[in-house]
Amino acid sequence: MVDLARRGFFRGRPRPWAEIRPPWALPESAFVDSCTRCNDCVSACPSGIIQAGDGGYPTLDFSRGECTFCGDCLTACKPAALARATPEAPAWTYRAQLDAARCLPSQGIECRVCGEHCDARAIRFIPRLGGSPLPTLDPDTCTGCGACIAPCPAQALKIGA
């Protein structure tokens, strides 16, 4: 794990997704060794979620949108810091994570925004007596695309391993 204080983040990262690399990134040490910080993946991303992060290395900013797993970043990466191990290899193992305490339905406020933006239908709402339906997240269905992150008014979701 990276020492956050050594990199100037004395109170931790300002965003929960700051360490998430683009899809098909090599393991972190190999990625850092291979990535030339050319920003070709940044330019290639049609969603605009790949941004230059710490030290110029690309990271994902899900507040800007979602990953469609189109592969444009993979194609643009000439140093092969982004590479598929096998043709059927998943883009990554990241999944959405729900902070139930921050979620508006747990506070009695009707909200289903995250579920409406989840094309994979990994977020479902379970009815309950006397309150708003509560979201449940199916990690086996979730692709980790981040479509639920930006629209959440309570910032109750993040992408993590």
Protein backbone atom coordinates (compact mmCIF):
# COMPACT_ATOMS: atom_id res chain seq x y z
CA MET A 1 0.00 0.00 0.00
CA VAL A 2 1.21 3.49 -0.82
CA ASP A 3 2.21 5.69 2.13
CA LEU A 4 -0.28 8.55 1.77
CA ALA A 5 1.68 10.94 4.01
CA ARG A 6 4.78 10.45 1.88
CA ARG A 7 2.82 11.53 -1.19
CA GLY A 8 1.41 14.67 0.45
CA PHE A 9 -1.99 13.32 1.52
CA PHE A 10 -1.63 13.76 5.26
CA ARG A 11 -5.33 13.17 5.88
CA GLY A 12 -5.78 10.54 3.21
CA ARG A 13 -6.97 10.77 -0.34
CA PRO A 14 -9.45 13.50 -1.21
CA ARG A 15 -11.47 11.08 -3.39
CA PRO A 16 -12.23 7.39 -2.76
CA TRP A 17 -11.40 6.41 -6.34
CA ALA A 18 -8.02 8.18 -6.61
CA GLU A 19 -6.07 4.91 -6.81
CA ILE A 20 -8.26 3.15 -9.36
CA ARG A 21 -6.39 2.74 -12.60
CA PRO A 22 -8.06 2.41 -16.01
CA PRO A 23 -9.52 -0.96 -16.98
CA TRP A 24 -7.09 -3.77 -17.78
CA ALA A 25 -4.27 -2.04 -15.88
CA LEU A 26 -1.33 -4.22 -14.94
CA PRO A 27 -0.76 -4.83 -11.21
CA GLU A 28 0.26 -1.54 -9.58
CA SER A 29 4.05 -1.97 -9.50
CA ALA A 30 4.14 -3.24 -13.10
CA PHE A 31 1.74 -0.47 -14.13
CA VAL A 32 3.94 2.27 -12.65
CA ASP A 33 7.02 0.71 -14.28
CA SER A 34 5.31 0.50 -17.70
CA CYS A 35 3.22 3.67 -17.83
CA THR A 36 5.03 6.57 -19.50
CA ARG A 37 2.34 9.09 -18.46
CA CYS A 38 1.81 9.98 -22.11
CA ASN A 39 -1.92 10.61 -21.46
CA ASP A 40 -2.98 8.73 -24.60
CA CYS A 41 -5.50 6.80 -22.50
CA VAL A 42 -6.82 10.10 -21.10
CA SER A 43 -7.36 11.46 -24.62
CA ALA A 44 -8.90 8.21 -25.85
CA CYS A 45 -11.54 7.88 -23.12
CA PRO A 46 -14.93 8.84 -24.62
CA SER A 47 -16.47 9.16 -21.14
CA GLY A 48 -13.75 11.52 -19.96
CA ILE A 49 -13.33 9.69 -16.67
CA ILE A 50 -9.64 8.91 -17.10
CA GLN A 51 -7.66 11.79 -15.64
CA ALA A 52 -4.01 12.42 -14.87
CA GLY A 53 -3.67 11.67 -11.17
CA ASP A 54 -0.79 11.53 -8.70
CA GLY A 55 2.51 11.94 -10.50
CA GLY A 56 0.69 12.14 -13.84
CA TYR A 57 -0.39 8.49 -13.75
CA PRO A 58 -3.94 7.92 -15.01
CA THR A 59 -6.73 7.38 -12.50
CA LEU A 60 -10.49 7.24 -12.83
CA ASP A 61 -12.81 10.03 -11.72
CA PHE A 62 -16.32 8.60 -11.50
CA SER A 63 -17.77 12.00 -10.67
CA ARG A 64 -17.35 12.71 -14.40
CA GLY A 65 -19.26 9.65 -15.62
CA GLU A 66 -19.01 5.91 -16.00
CA CYS A 67 -16.70 3.43 -17.66
CA THR A 68 -18.28 1.74 -20.67
CA PHE A 69 -15.40 -0.74 -20.99
CA CYS A 70 -15.13 0.25 -24.65
CA GLY A 71 -11.41 -0.58 -24.71
CA ASP A 72 -10.32 2.71 -26.32
CA CYS A 73 -7.84 3.30 -23.48
CA LEU A 74 -6.47 -0.22 -23.94
CA THR A 75 -5.98 0.34 -27.67
CA ALA A 76 -4.33 3.74 -27.12
CA CYS A 77 -1.84 2.46 -24.53
CA LYS A 78 1.37 1.94 -26.52
CA PRO A 79 3.61 1.08 -23.53
CA ALA A 80 1.14 -1.75 -22.65
CA ALA A 81 0.52 -0.61 -19.08
CA LEU A 82 -3.07 -1.53 -19.94
CA ALA A 83 -3.18 -5.06 -21.32
CA ARG A 84 -5.59 -7.98 -21.35
CA ALA A 85 -4.14 -11.12 -19.82
CA THR A 86 -6.54 -13.16 -21.95
CA PRO A 87 -9.24 -12.07 -24.41
CA GLU A 88 -12.00 -12.99 -21.95
CA ALA A 89 -10.29 -11.47 -18.90
CA PRO A 90 -12.51 -9.05 -16.97
CA ALA A 91 -11.55 -5.39 -17.00
CA TRP A 92 -11.06 -5.45 -13.23
CA THR A 93 -12.39 -6.80 -9.95
CA TYR A 94 -13.70 -3.47 -8.62
CA ARG A 95 -17.33 -3.28 -7.53
CA ALA A 96 -19.63 -0.60 -6.18
CA GLN A 97 -19.81 -0.37 -2.40
CA LEU A 98 -22.76 1.14 -0.56
CA ASP A 99 -22.50 3.17 2.63
CA ALA A 100 -25.97 2.39 4.02
CA ALA A 101 -25.74 5.07 6.71
CA ARG A 102 -25.34 7.81 4.09
CA CYS A 103 -27.98 6.41 1.75
CA LEU A 104 -31.12 8.57 1.67
CA PRO A 105 -33.66 5.70 1.89
CA SER A 106 -32.10 4.62 5.21
CA GLN A 107 -32.94 8.12 6.43
CA GLY A 108 -36.55 7.82 5.29
CA ILE A 109 -36.13 9.79 2.07
CA GLU A 110 -37.35 8.25 -1.18
CA CYS A 111 -34.47 7.88 -3.65
CA ARG A 112 -33.72 5.32 -6.34
CA VAL A 113 -31.30 7.29 -8.47
CA CYS A 114 -28.45 4.76 -8.25
CA GLY A 115 -30.70 1.92 -9.38
CA GLU A 116 -32.02 3.95 -12.29
CA HIS A 117 -28.47 4.48 -13.58
CA CYS A 118 -27.31 0.88 -13.13
CA ASP A 119 -27.55 -0.80 -16.54
CA ALA A 120 -26.37 -4.10 -15.03
CA ARG A 121 -29.31 -3.99 -12.58
CA ALA A 122 -26.95 -4.75 -9.71
CA ILE A 123 -28.79 -2.29 -7.44
CA ARG A 124 -32.30 -3.30 -6.47
CA PHE A 125 -34.69 -1.84 -3.96
CA ILE A 126 -36.40 -4.01 -1.39
CA PRO A 127 -39.76 -2.74 -0.12
CA ARG A 128 -40.17 -2.37 3.62
CA LEU A 129 -43.05 -1.48 5.85
CA GLY A 130 -43.03 2.04 7.21
CA GLY A 131 -40.22 3.40 5.07
CA SER A 132 -38.63 3.91 1.72
CA PRO A 133 -37.37 0.81 -0.09
CA LEU A 134 -33.75 0.10 0.79
CA PRO A 135 -31.13 -0.59 -1.88
CA THR A 136 -29.29 -3.87 -2.06
CA LEU A 137 -26.20 -4.31 -4.15
CA ASP A 138 -25.43 -7.60 -5.88
CA PRO A 139 -21.62 -7.76 -6.16
CA ASP A 140 -21.83 -10.68 -8.60
CA THR A 141 -23.87 -8.59 -11.05
CA CYS A 142 -22.03 -5.29 -10.53
CA THR A 143 -19.45 -4.49 -13.21
CA GLY A 144 -17.81 -1.65 -11.27
CA CYS A 145 -18.58 0.79 -14.10
CA GLY A 146 -19.31 3.64 -11.67
CA ALA A 147 -22.58 4.75 -13.30
CA CYS A 148 -24.16 4.95 -9.84
CA ILE A 149 -21.49 7.22 -8.33
CA ALA A 150 -22.06 10.67 -9.86
CA PRO A 151 -25.87 10.74 -9.68
CA CYS A 152 -26.04 9.76 -5.99
CA PRO A 153 -27.09 12.92 -4.12
CA ALA A 154 -25.75 11.59 -0.81
CA GLN A 155 -22.43 10.28 -2.11
CA ALA A 156 -23.29 6.95 -0.54
CA LEU A 157 -21.52 4.86 -3.17
CA LYS A 158 -17.91 4.31 -4.10
CA ILE A 159 -15.98 1.88 -6.25
CA GLY A 160 -13.55 -0.41 -4.47
CA ALA A 161 -11.99 -3.84 -4.44
